[in-house]
Amino acid sequence: MATPGPAGLTEIETAAAAATNLPEPERVSIDAALLARRGESVAAITKLQRLTEIAPGYSRGHALLGSFLLNQDKLDEGIAALKKATQADPNNGAAQNTLGYAALRRGDTDGAIAAFREYGRVMPKEPNAQDSLGEALLAAGRFKEAEEAFEKALTLSPQFWSAHQGIAMARYYAGDLNGARDAWAKAKATATRTGDKMSVDADLGAASLAQGNADETVKILAASAQTDYTPPPPVDNGGIQGFEVLDQAGIAGVAVAARSARIGDGRSTLQDGIVSHVNRAARSLGARVGSPALALARAVAEKSG
């Protein structure tokens, strides 16, 4: 499941073929993983629902079901499944994390902050818990507290590059542009994956645009779009973010960033969560019929079946 692309699919297929004599909960769990990797989300949800029926005390089953339901924009059902996961195992930090982001999607910053604080309580050494908390505090407009949470994430893991990115956002929203640029520079220097570095470029481009410097925005994102991946990912999230920045601004050079939003080949390489993310992003832009953003969302959806 951790191996991307066709190699990972082959591993799961091998497991499914060898699982004939396993107990039903284990077989169903493996079948759900296979359906998920193939992009068959509705069938995967059906399998996970069966898993929660025959193994009601298995917290991870409820958590996986909740995540899939959220990816299908079924917020109420997803949140209910995630709450069952935390009831089955109060120390399931991953479920608390997903609950927090579900609350953010509803605009419930207090609920998100509570979930992320609980995530940090049950997993005190996990930097992502503090990073998630920082995001919720940002959404609540509590910028100083957000920066403190991101700083704590870096204390737990100095290589946690996205915490620098969070600090940059907290400083930017608080009006400290120079401090934000310094933190973005640290984020890009600490990030090891090309897509993560491009995500920082998208932030820098958006910041320049907000300052009224559209030319600098295009220059930043055009340079970022020239970055090559080896090997290419299923979807270039950094490029998609840059694409959104330009689309929101109505800049004619939107194709520069769109070219960097490369979509991979084959259903086996595309994660359902990415499909959902891109479709939500297109809708949040108020995408017009025939607009580049909507066309990109449709292309991703077609790849997933």
C-alpha atoms as a PDB file:
ATOM      1  CA  MET A   1       0.000   0.000   0.000  1.00  0.00           C
ATOM      2  CA  ALA A   2       2.942   2.331   0.597  1.00  0.00           C
ATOM      3  CA  THR A   3       4.518   1.604  -2.784  1.00  0.00           C
ATOM      4  CA  PRO A   4       3.278   4.010  -5.480  1.00  0.00           C
ATOM      5  CA  GLY A   5       2.370   3.151  -9.054  1.00  0.00           C
ATOM      6  CA  PRO A   6       2.052  -0.232 -10.782  1.00  0.00           C
ATOM      7  CA  ALA A   7       4.575  -1.899  -8.454  1.00  0.00           C
ATOM      8  CA  GLY A   8       2.342  -1.213  -5.469  1.00  0.00           C
ATOM      9  CA  LEU A   9      -0.725  -2.449  -7.328  1.00  0.00           C
ATOM     10  CA  THR A  10       1.100  -5.694  -8.126  1.00  0.00           C
ATOM     11  CA  GLU A  11       1.969  -6.166  -4.441  1.00  0.00           C
ATOM     12  CA  ILE A  12      -1.681  -5.757  -3.401  1.00  0.00           C
ATOM     13  CA  GLU A  13      -2.888  -8.071  -6.167  1.00  0.00           C
ATOM     14  CA  THR A  14      -0.405 -10.703  -4.957  1.00  0.00           C
ATOM     15  CA  ALA A  15      -1.712 -10.309  -1.409  1.00  0.00           C
ATOM     16  CA  ALA A  16      -5.325 -10.640  -2.572  1.00  0.00           C
ATOM     17  CA  ALA A  17      -4.545 -13.803  -4.518  1.00  0.00           C
ATOM     18  CA  ALA A  18      -2.827 -15.339  -1.483  1.00  0.00           C
ATOM     19  CA  ALA A  19      -5.572 -14.389   0.983  1.00  0.00           C
ATOM     20  CA  THR A  20      -8.042 -17.138   0.126  1.00  0.00           C
ATOM     21  CA  ASN A  21      -7.738 -18.963   3.459  1.00  0.00           C
ATOM     22  CA  LEU A  22      -7.538 -15.924   5.709  1.00  0.00           C
ATOM     23  CA  PRO A  23     -10.388 -14.983   8.064  1.00  0.00           C
ATOM     24  CA  GLU A  24     -13.071 -12.840   6.423  1.00  0.00           C
ATOM     25  CA  PRO A  25     -12.059  -9.525   8.054  1.00  0.00           C
ATOM     26  CA  GLU A  26      -8.533  -9.858   6.692  1.00  0.00           C
ATOM     27  CA  ARG A  27      -9.735 -10.837   3.220  1.00  0.00           C
ATOM     28  CA  VAL A  28     -12.183  -7.938   3.110  1.00  0.00           C
ATOM     29  CA  SER A  29      -9.503  -5.511   4.265  1.00  0.00           C
ATOM     30  CA  ILE A  30      -7.145  -6.612   1.479  1.00  0.00           C
ATOM     31  CA  ASP A  31      -9.950  -6.506  -1.105  1.00  0.00           C
ATOM     32  CA  ALA A  32     -10.792  -2.948  -0.048  1.00  0.00           C
ATOM     33  CA  ALA A  33      -7.147  -1.916  -0.463  1.00  0.00           C
ATOM     34  CA  LEU A  34      -7.103  -3.422  -3.958  1.00  0.00           C
ATOM     35  CA  LEU A  35     -10.310  -1.668  -5.011  1.00  0.00           C
ATOM     36  CA  ALA A  36      -9.014   1.602  -3.620  1.00  0.00           C
ATOM     37  CA  ARG A  37      -5.757   1.325  -5.560  1.00  0.00           C
ATOM     38  CA  ARG A  38      -7.707   0.590  -8.749  1.00  0.00           C
ATOM     39  CA  GLY A  39      -9.764   3.747  -8.221  1.00  0.00           C
ATOM     40  CA  GLU A  40     -13.015   1.840  -7.629  1.00  0.00           C
ATOM     41  CA  SER A  41     -14.106   4.075  -4.766  1.00  0.00           C
ATOM     42  CA  VAL A  42     -17.765   3.064  -4.480  1.00  0.00           C
ATOM     43  CA  ALA A  43     -16.865  -0.634  -4.381  1.00  0.00           C
ATOM     44  CA  ALA A  44     -14.111   0.088  -1.841  1.00  0.00           C
ATOM     45  CA  ILE A  45     -16.617   1.861   0.406  1.00  0.00           C
ATOM     46  CA  THR A  46     -18.951  -1.143   0.215  1.00  0.00           C
ATOM     47  CA  LYS A  47     -16.094  -3.441   1.272  1.00  0.00           C
ATOM     48  CA  LEU A  48     -15.102  -1.131   4.132  1.00  0.00           C
ATOM     49  CA  GLN A  49     -18.701  -0.961   5.326  1.00  0.00           C
ATOM     50  CA  ARG A  50     -18.683  -4.760   5.425  1.00  0.00           C
ATOM     51  CA  LEU A  51     -15.391  -4.671   7.328  1.00  0.00           C
ATOM     52  CA  THR A  52     -16.863  -2.408  10.018  1.00  0.00           C
ATOM     53  CA  GLU A  53     -19.822  -4.789  10.362  1.00  0.00           C
ATOM     54  CA  ILE A  54     -17.761  -7.931  10.874  1.00  0.00           C
ATOM     55  CA  ALA A  55     -14.973  -6.240  12.863  1.00  0.00           C
ATOM     56  CA  PRO A  56     -16.733  -3.401  14.742  1.00  0.00           C
ATOM     57  CA  GLY A  57     -13.868  -3.021  17.191  1.00  0.00           C
ATOM     58  CA  TYR A  58     -11.262  -2.481  14.442  1.00  0.00           C
ATOM     59  CA  SER A  59     -10.599   1.245  14.639  1.00  0.00           C
ATOM     60  CA  ARG A  60      -8.615   1.442  11.408  1.00  0.00           C
ATOM     61  CA  GLY A  61     -11.531  -0.014   9.426  1.00  0.00           C
ATOM     62  CA  HIS A  62     -13.820   2.798  10.579  1.00  0.00           C
ATOM     63  CA  ALA A  63     -11.089   5.365   9.913  1.00  0.00           C
ATOM     64  CA  LEU A  64     -10.506   4.129   6.357  1.00  0.00           C
ATOM     65  CA  LEU A  65     -14.238   4.134   5.680  1.00  0.00           C
ATOM     66  CA  GLY A  66     -14.482   7.680   7.004  1.00  0.00           C
ATOM     67  CA  SER A  67     -11.668   8.881   4.777  1.00  0.00           C
ATOM     68  CA  PHE A  68     -13.236   7.344   1.667  1.00  0.00           C
ATOM     69  CA  LEU A  69     -16.620   8.836   2.465  1.00  0.00           C
ATOM     70  CA  LEU A  70     -15.046  12.274   2.878  1.00  0.00           C
ATOM     71  CA  ASN A  71     -13.342  11.873  -0.488  1.00  0.00           C
ATOM     72  CA  GLN A  72     -16.821  11.324  -1.939  1.00  0.00           C
ATOM     73  CA  ASP A  73     -17.962  14.566  -0.254  1.00  0.00           C
ATOM     74  CA  LYS A  74     -20.184  12.604   2.153  1.00  0.00           C
ATOM     75  CA  LEU A  75     -19.218  14.706   5.164  1.00  0.00           C
ATOM     76  CA  ASP A  76     -21.839  13.578   7.665  1.00  0.00           C
ATOM     77  CA  GLU A  77     -21.295   9.881   6.976  1.00  0.00           C
ATOM     78  CA  GLY A  78     -17.522  10.292   6.954  1.00  0.00           C
ATOM     79  CA  ILE A  79     -17.451  12.142  10.256  1.00  0.00           C
ATOM     80  CA  ALA A  80     -19.724   9.511  11.837  1.00  0.00           C
ATOM     81  CA  ALA A  81     -17.350   6.728  10.748  1.00  0.00           C
ATOM     82  CA  LEU A  82     -14.322   8.621  12.038  1.00  0.00           C
ATOM     83  CA  LYS A  83     -15.977   9.162  15.408  1.00  0.00           C
ATOM     84  CA  LYS A  84     -16.558   5.409  15.620  1.00  0.00           C
ATOM     85  CA  ALA A  85     -12.852   4.950  14.914  1.00  0.00           C
ATOM     86  CA  THR A  86     -11.886   7.188  17.837  1.00  0.00           C
ATOM     87  CA  GLN A  87     -14.429   5.451  20.075  1.00  0.00           C
ATOM     88  CA  ALA A  88     -12.941   2.056  19.193  1.00  0.00           C
ATOM     89  CA  ASP A  89      -9.427   3.379  19.812  1.00  0.00           C
ATOM     90  CA  PRO A  90      -9.102   6.750  21.598  1.00  0.00           C
ATOM     91  CA  ASN A  91      -5.415   6.751  20.657  1.00  0.00           C
ATOM     92  CA  ASN A  92      -6.064   6.675  16.900  1.00  0.00           C
ATOM     93  CA  GLY A  93      -4.337   9.950  16.096  1.00  0.00           C
ATOM     94  CA  ALA A  94      -4.773   9.537  12.341  1.00  0.00           C
ATOM     95  CA  ALA A  95      -8.558   9.442  12.756  1.00  0.00           C
ATOM     96  CA  GLN A  96      -8.429  12.571  14.923  1.00  0.00           C
ATOM     97  CA  ASN A  97      -6.373  14.278  12.224  1.00  0.00           C
ATOM     98  CA  THR A  98      -8.923  13.424   9.530  1.00  0.00           C
ATOM     99  CA  LEU A  99     -11.756  14.561  11.804  1.00  0.00           C
ATOM    100  CA  GLY A 100     -10.007  17.894  12.174  1.00  0.00           C
ATOM    101  CA  TYR A 101      -9.787  18.434   8.437  1.00  0.00           C
ATOM    102  CA  ALA A 102     -13.421  17.400   8.020  1.00  0.00           C
ATOM    103  CA  ALA A 103     -14.327  20.120  10.525  1.00  0.00           C
ATOM    104  CA  LEU A 104     -12.258  22.652   8.559  1.00  0.00           C
ATOM    105  CA  ARG A 105     -14.166  21.752   5.402  1.00  0.00           C
ATOM    106  CA  ARG A 106     -17.325  22.687   7.292  1.00  0.00           C
ATOM    107  CA  GLY A 107     -15.815  25.953   8.474  1.00  0.00           C
ATOM    108  CA  ASP A 108     -15.832  24.697  12.066  1.00  0.00           C
ATOM    109  CA  THR A 109     -12.470  25.994  13.283  1.00  0.00           C
ATOM    110  CA  ASP A 110     -13.248  25.307  16.957  1.00  0.00           C
ATOM    111  CA  GLY A 111     -14.053  21.679  16.151  1.00  0.00           C
ATOM    112  CA  ALA A 112     -10.893  21.357  14.083  1.00  0.00           C
ATOM    113  CA  ILE A 113      -8.718  22.848  16.808  1.00  0.00           C
ATOM    114  CA  ALA A 114     -10.217  20.453  19.369  1.00  0.00           C
ATOM    115  CA  ALA A 115      -9.596  17.428  17.133  1.00  0.00           C
ATOM    116  CA  PHE A 116      -6.016  18.433  16.376  1.00  0.00           C
ATOM    117  CA  ARG A 117      -5.280  19.099  20.055  1.00  0.00           C
ATOM    118  CA  GLU A 118      -6.526  15.593  20.823  1.00  0.00           C
ATOM    119  CA  TYR A 119      -4.299  14.275  18.017  1.00  0.00           C
ATOM    120  CA  GLY A 120      -1.344  15.979  19.702  1.00  0.00           C
ATOM    121  CA  ARG A 121      -2.333  14.607  23.090  1.00  0.00           C
ATOM    122  CA  VAL A 122      -2.406  10.977  21.954  1.00  0.00           C
ATOM    123  CA  MET A 123       0.703  11.364  19.761  1.00  0.00           C
ATOM    124  CA  PRO A 124       2.870  13.946  21.558  1.00  0.00           C
ATOM    125  CA  LYS A 125       5.974  13.184  19.494  1.00  0.00           C
ATOM    126  CA  GLU A 126       4.244  13.498  16.118  1.00  0.00           C
ATOM    127  CA  PRO A 127       5.136  16.809  14.385  1.00  0.00           C
ATOM    128  CA  ASN A 128       2.196  16.529  12.001  1.00  0.00           C
ATOM    129  CA  ALA A 129      -0.198  16.940  14.927  1.00  0.00           C
ATOM    130  CA  GLN A 130       1.232  20.381  15.649  1.00  0.00           C
ATOM    131  CA  ASP A 131       1.335  21.236  11.952  1.00  0.00           C
ATOM    132  CA  SER A 132      -2.356  20.374  11.606  1.00  0.00           C
ATOM    133  CA  LEU A 133      -3.170  22.404  14.710  1.00  0.00           C
ATOM    134  CA  GLY A 134      -1.303  25.340  13.202  1.00  0.00           C
ATOM    135  CA  GLU A 135      -3.468  25.139  10.072  1.00  0.00           C
ATOM    136  CA  ALA A 136      -6.674  25.260  12.123  1.00  0.00           C
ATOM    137  CA  LEU A 137      -5.382  28.211  14.146  1.00  0.00           C
ATOM    138  CA  LEU A 138      -4.554  29.979  10.880  1.00  0.00           C
ATOM    139  CA  ALA A 139      -8.110  29.409   9.693  1.00  0.00           C
ATOM    140  CA  ALA A 140      -9.358  30.876  12.976  1.00  0.00           C
ATOM    141  CA  GLY A 141      -7.217  34.001  12.509  1.00  0.00           C
ATOM    142  CA  ARG A 142      -5.078  33.192  15.559  1.00  0.00           C
ATOM    143  CA  PHE A 143      -1.781  33.822  13.802  1.00  0.00           C
ATOM    144  CA  LYS A 144       0.576  34.056  16.790  1.00  0.00           C
ATOM    145  CA  GLU A 145      -0.720  30.774  18.236  1.00  0.00           C
ATOM    146  CA  ALA A 146      -0.472  29.202  14.794  1.00  0.00           C
ATOM    147  CA  GLU A 147       3.181  30.190  14.470  1.00  0.00           C
ATOM    148  CA  GLU A 148       3.855  28.709  17.921  1.00  0.00           C
ATOM    149  CA  ALA A 149       2.265  25.402  16.858  1.00  0.00           C
ATOM    150  CA  PHE A 150       4.375  25.269  13.687  1.00  0.00           C
ATOM    151  CA  GLU A 151       7.491  26.061  15.722  1.00  0.00           C
ATOM    152  CA  LYS A 152       6.667  23.145  18.015  1.00  0.00           C
ATOM    153  CA  ALA A 153       6.409  20.857  14.991  1.00  0.00           C
ATOM    154  CA  LEU A 154       9.933  21.910  13.994  1.00  0.00           C
ATOM    155  CA  THR A 155      11.157  21.267  17.526  1.00  0.00           C
ATOM    156  CA  LEU A 156       9.870  17.718  17.194  1.00  0.00           C
ATOM    157  CA  SER A 157      11.330  17.314  13.689  1.00  0.00           C
ATOM    158  CA  PRO A 158      13.679  19.965  12.228  1.00  0.00           C
ATOM    159  CA  GLN A 159      13.217  18.427   8.760  1.00  0.00           C
ATOM    160  CA  PHE A 160       9.439  18.925   8.802  1.00  0.00           C
ATOM    161  CA  TRP A 161       9.542  21.411   5.938  1.00  0.00           C
ATOM    162  CA  SER A 162       5.817  22.238   5.832  1.00  0.00           C
ATOM    163  CA  ALA A 163       6.044  23.768   9.313  1.00  0.00           C
ATOM    164  CA  HIS A 164       8.265  26.487   7.807  1.00  0.00           C
ATOM    165  CA  GLN A 165       5.566  26.951   5.175  1.00  0.00           C
ATOM    166  CA  GLY A 166       2.983  27.303   7.947  1.00  0.00           C
ATOM    167  CA  ILE A 167       5.121  29.857   9.766  1.00  0.00           C
ATOM    168  CA  ALA A 168       5.358  31.819   6.516  1.00  0.00           C
ATOM    169  CA  MET A 169       1.573  31.890   6.189  1.00  0.00           C
ATOM    170  CA  ALA A 170       1.105  32.945   9.831  1.00  0.00           C
ATOM    171  CA  ARG A 171       3.562  35.805   9.386  1.00  0.00           C
ATOM    172  CA  TYR A 172       2.109  36.816   6.048  1.00  0.00           C
ATOM    173  CA  TYR A 173      -1.451  37.033   7.381  1.00  0.00           C
ATOM    174  CA  ALA A 174      -0.133  38.990  10.369  1.00  0.00           C
ATOM    175  CA  GLY A 175       1.387  41.537   7.978  1.00  0.00           C
ATOM    176  CA  ASP A 176       5.057  40.509   8.253  1.00  0.00           C
ATOM    177  CA  LEU A 177       5.920  40.031   4.577  1.00  0.00           C
ATOM    178  CA  ASN A 178       9.702  39.953   5.097  1.00  0.00           C
ATOM    179  CA  GLY A 179       9.388  37.384   7.862  1.00  0.00           C
ATOM    180  CA  ALA A 180       7.095  35.322   5.641  1.00  0.00           C
ATOM    181  CA  ARG A 181       9.565  35.339   2.753  1.00  0.00           C
ATOM    182  CA  ASP A 182      12.336  34.215   5.116  1.00  0.00           C
ATOM    183  CA  ALA A 183      10.205  31.273   6.293  1.00  0.00           C
ATOM    184  CA  TRP A 184       9.274  30.342   2.711  1.00  0.00           C
ATOM    185  CA  ALA A 185      12.956  30.285   1.817  1.00  0.00           C
ATOM    186  CA  LYS A 186      13.592  27.890   4.712  1.00  0.00           C
ATOM    187  CA  ALA A 187      10.655  25.720   3.614  1.00  0.00           C
ATOM    188  CA  LYS A 188      12.017  25.413   0.091  1.00  0.00           C
ATOM    189  CA  ALA A 189      15.532  24.689   1.356  1.00  0.00           C
ATOM    190  CA  THR A 190      14.277  22.001   3.763  1.00  0.00           C
ATOM    191  CA  ALA A 191      11.870  20.293   1.346  1.00  0.00           C
ATOM    192  CA  THR A 192      13.371  17.303  -0.457  1.00  0.00           C
ATOM    193  CA  ARG A 193      10.618  16.537  -2.987  1.00  0.00           C
ATOM    194  CA  THR A 194      10.251  18.610  -6.110  1.00  0.00           C
ATOM    195  CA  GLY A 195       6.484  18.910  -5.733  1.00  0.00           C
ATOM    196  CA  ASP A 196       6.895  20.312  -2.230  1.00  0.00           C
ATOM    197  CA  LYS A 197       9.322  22.948  -3.477  1.00  0.00           C
ATOM    198  CA  MET A 198       6.829  23.868  -6.196  1.00  0.00           C
ATOM    199  CA  SER A 199       4.154  24.219  -3.523  1.00  0.00           C
ATOM    200  CA  VAL A 200       6.311  26.892  -1.888  1.00  0.00           C
ATOM    201  CA  ASP A 201       6.677  28.602  -5.275  1.00  0.00           C
ATOM    202  CA  ALA A 202       2.872  28.669  -5.534  1.00  0.00           C
ATOM    203  CA  ASP A 203       2.689  30.411  -2.152  1.00  0.00           C
ATOM    204  CA  LEU A 204       5.303  32.952  -3.209  1.00  0.00           C
ATOM    205  CA  GLY A 205       3.414  33.570  -6.440  1.00  0.00           C
ATOM    206  CA  ALA A 206       0.148  34.117  -4.580  1.00  0.00           C
ATOM    207  CA  ALA A 207       1.862  36.491  -2.150  1.00  0.00           C
ATOM    208  CA  SER A 208       3.296  38.541  -5.023  1.00  0.00           C
ATOM    209  CA  LEU A 209      -0.102  38.636  -6.693  1.00  0.00           C
ATOM    210  CA  ALA A 210      -1.720  39.878  -3.485  1.00  0.00           C
ATOM    211  CA  GLN A 211       0.854  42.671  -3.447  1.00  0.00           C
ATOM    212  CA  GLY A 212      -0.265  43.680  -6.924  1.00  0.00           C
ATOM    213  CA  ASN A 213       2.788  42.308  -8.725  1.00  0.00           C
ATOM    214  CA  ALA A 214       1.273  40.030 -11.378  1.00  0.00           C
ATOM    215  CA  ASP A 215       4.439  40.087 -13.494  1.00  0.00           C
ATOM    216  CA  GLU A 216       6.497  38.670 -10.634  1.00  0.00           C
ATOM    217  CA  THR A 217       3.838  36.021 -10.035  1.00  0.00           C
ATOM    218  CA  VAL A 218       4.027  34.832 -13.622  1.00  0.00           C
ATOM    219  CA  LYS A 219       7.829  34.855 -13.489  1.00  0.00           C
ATOM    220  CA  ILE A 220       7.910  32.749 -10.276  1.00  0.00           C
ATOM    221  CA  LEU A 221       5.416  30.185 -11.553  1.00  0.00           C
ATOM    222  CA  ALA A 222       6.903  30.037 -15.039  1.00  0.00           C
ATOM    223  CA  ALA A 223      10.300  29.158 -13.542  1.00  0.00           C
ATOM    224  CA  SER A 224       8.649  26.616 -11.234  1.00  0.00           C
ATOM    225  CA  ALA A 225       6.826  25.006 -14.170  1.00  0.00           C
ATOM    226  CA  GLN A 226      10.146  24.155 -15.813  1.00  0.00           C
ATOM    227  CA  THR A 227      10.992  21.741 -13.007  1.00  0.00           C
ATOM    228  CA  ASP A 228      11.220  18.122 -14.131  1.00  0.00           C
ATOM    229  CA  TYR A 229      10.228  15.108 -12.051  1.00  0.00           C
ATOM    230  CA  THR A 230      12.055  11.791 -12.001  1.00  0.00           C
ATOM    231  CA  PRO A 231       9.915   9.737 -11.853  1.00  0.00           C
ATOM    232  CA  PRO A 232       6.760  11.793 -12.554  1.00  0.00           C
ATOM    233  CA  PRO A 233       4.016  11.702  -9.880  1.00  0.00           C
ATOM    234  CA  PRO A 234       0.361  10.843 -10.608  1.00  0.00           C
ATOM    235  CA  VAL A 235      -0.585  14.507 -10.162  1.00  0.00           C
ATOM    236  CA  ASP A 236       1.688  17.496  -9.725  1.00  0.00           C
ATOM    237  CA  ASN A 237       0.044  19.248  -6.773  1.00  0.00           C
ATOM    238  CA  GLY A 238       2.549  22.088  -6.780  1.00  0.00           C
ATOM    239  CA  GLY A 239       1.721  22.811 -10.401  1.00  0.00           C
ATOM    240  CA  ILE A 240      -2.003  22.628  -9.690  1.00  0.00           C
ATOM    241  CA  GLN A 241      -1.638  25.204  -6.911  1.00  0.00           C
ATOM    242  CA  GLY A 242       0.210  27.540  -9.240  1.00  0.00           C
ATOM    243  CA  PHE A 243      -2.452  26.935 -11.855  1.00  0.00           C
ATOM    244  CA  GLU A 244      -5.146  27.979  -9.365  1.00  0.00           C
ATOM    245  CA  VAL A 245      -3.281  31.174  -8.455  1.00  0.00           C
ATOM    246  CA  LEU A 246      -3.195  32.301 -12.065  1.00  0.00           C
ATOM    247  CA  ASP A 247      -6.740  31.176 -12.804  1.00  0.00           C
ATOM    248  CA  GLN A 248      -8.097  33.171  -9.878  1.00  0.00           C
ATOM    249  CA  ALA A 249      -6.253  36.223 -11.155  1.00  0.00           C
ATOM    250  CA  GLY A 250      -7.554  35.778 -14.690  1.00  0.00           C
ATOM    251  CA  ILE A 251      -4.022  36.045 -16.042  1.00  0.00           C
ATOM    252  CA  ALA A 252      -3.654  35.108 -19.707  1.00  0.00           C
ATOM    253  CA  GLY A 253      -0.486  33.169 -18.959  1.00  0.00           C
ATOM    254  CA  VAL A 254      -2.425  30.559 -16.978  1.00  0.00           C
ATOM    255  CA  ALA A 255      -1.194  27.865 -19.372  1.00  0.00           C
ATOM    256  CA  VAL A 256       2.303  28.239 -17.908  1.00  0.00           C
ATOM    257  CA  ALA A 257       1.200  26.701 -14.632  1.00  0.00           C
ATOM    258  CA  ALA A 258      -1.325  24.392 -16.271  1.00  0.00           C
ATOM    259  CA  ARG A 259       1.489  22.699 -18.175  1.00  0.00           C
ATOM    260  CA  SER A 260       3.114  21.765 -14.881  1.00  0.00           C
ATOM    261  CA  ALA A 261      -0.073  20.108 -13.609  1.00  0.00           C
ATOM    262  CA  ARG A 262       0.848  16.830 -15.236  1.00  0.00           C
ATOM    263  CA  ILE A 263      -1.535  13.919 -14.871  1.00  0.00           C
ATOM    264  CA  GLY A 264      -0.055  10.414 -14.716  1.00  0.00           C
ATOM    265  CA  ASP A 265      -0.987   7.381 -16.782  1.00  0.00           C
ATOM    266  CA  GLY A 266      -3.365   4.661 -15.678  1.00  0.00           C
ATOM    267  CA  ARG A 267      -5.939   4.216 -12.955  1.00  0.00           C
ATOM    268  CA  SER A 268      -3.487   2.325 -10.754  1.00  0.00           C
ATOM    269  CA  THR A 269      -1.359   5.417 -10.173  1.00  0.00           C
ATOM    270  CA  LEU A 270      -4.122   7.867  -9.289  1.00  0.00           C
ATOM    271  CA  GLN A 271      -5.210   8.311  -5.690  1.00  0.00           C
ATOM    272  CA  ASP A 272      -8.897   8.951  -5.139  1.00  0.00           C
ATOM    273  CA  GLY A 273      -8.172  11.650  -2.579  1.00  0.00           C
ATOM    274  CA  ILE A 274      -6.290  13.669  -5.188  1.00  0.00           C
ATOM    275  CA  VAL A 275      -9.244  13.414  -7.572  1.00  0.00           C
ATOM    276  CA  SER A 276     -11.554  14.744  -4.871  1.00  0.00           C
ATOM    277  CA  HIS A 277      -9.109  17.535  -3.979  1.00  0.00           C
ATOM    278  CA  VAL A 278      -8.835  18.754  -7.556  1.00  0.00           C
ATOM    279  CA  ASN A 279     -12.574  18.677  -8.127  1.00  0.00           C
ATOM    280  CA  ARG A 280     -13.197  20.628  -4.918  1.00  0.00           C
ATOM    281  CA  ALA A 281     -10.523  23.137  -5.917  1.00  0.00           C
ATOM    282  CA  ALA A 282     -12.172  23.667  -9.286  1.00  0.00           C
ATOM    283  CA  ARG A 283     -15.553  24.205  -7.659  1.00  0.00           C
ATOM    284  CA  SER A 284     -14.072  26.606  -5.113  1.00  0.00           C
ATOM    285  CA  LEU A 285     -12.785  28.715  -7.987  1.00  0.00           C
ATOM    286  CA  GLY A 286     -16.343  29.011  -9.232  1.00  0.00           C
ATOM    287  CA  ALA A 287     -15.084  27.218 -12.327  1.00  0.00           C
ATOM    288  CA  ARG A 288     -16.873  28.190 -15.502  1.00  0.00           C
ATOM    289  CA  VAL A 289     -17.869  25.676 -18.156  1.00  0.00           C
ATOM    290  CA  GLY A 290     -14.930  25.406 -20.495  1.00  0.00           C
ATOM    291  CA  SER A 291     -12.532  27.095 -18.051  1.00  0.00           C
ATOM    292  CA  PRO A 292      -9.018  25.640 -17.657  1.00  0.00           C
ATOM    293  CA  ALA A 293      -9.667  24.760 -14.014  1.00  0.00           C
ATOM    294  CA  LEU A 294     -12.800  22.774 -14.791  1.00  0.00           C
ATOM    295  CA  ALA A 295     -11.120  21.096 -17.735  1.00  0.00           C
ATOM    296  CA  LEU A 296      -8.290  19.985 -15.461  1.00  0.00           C
ATOM    297  CA  ALA A 297     -10.733  18.635 -12.884  1.00  0.00           C
ATOM    298  CA  ARG A 298     -12.601  16.707 -15.559  1.00  0.00           C
ATOM    299  CA  ALA A 299      -9.361  15.267 -16.943  1.00  0.00           C
ATOM    300  CA  VAL A 300      -8.390  14.005 -13.481  1.00  0.00           C
ATOM    301  CA  ALA A 301     -11.863  12.559 -12.909  1.00  0.00           C
ATOM    302  CA  GLU A 302     -11.724  10.734 -16.257  1.00  0.00           C
ATOM    303  CA  LYS A 303      -8.404   9.175 -15.258  1.00  0.00           C
ATOM    304  CA  SER A 304     -10.051   7.769 -12.127  1.00  0.00           C
ATOM    305  CA  GLY A 305     -13.038   6.330 -13.967  1.00  0.00           C
END
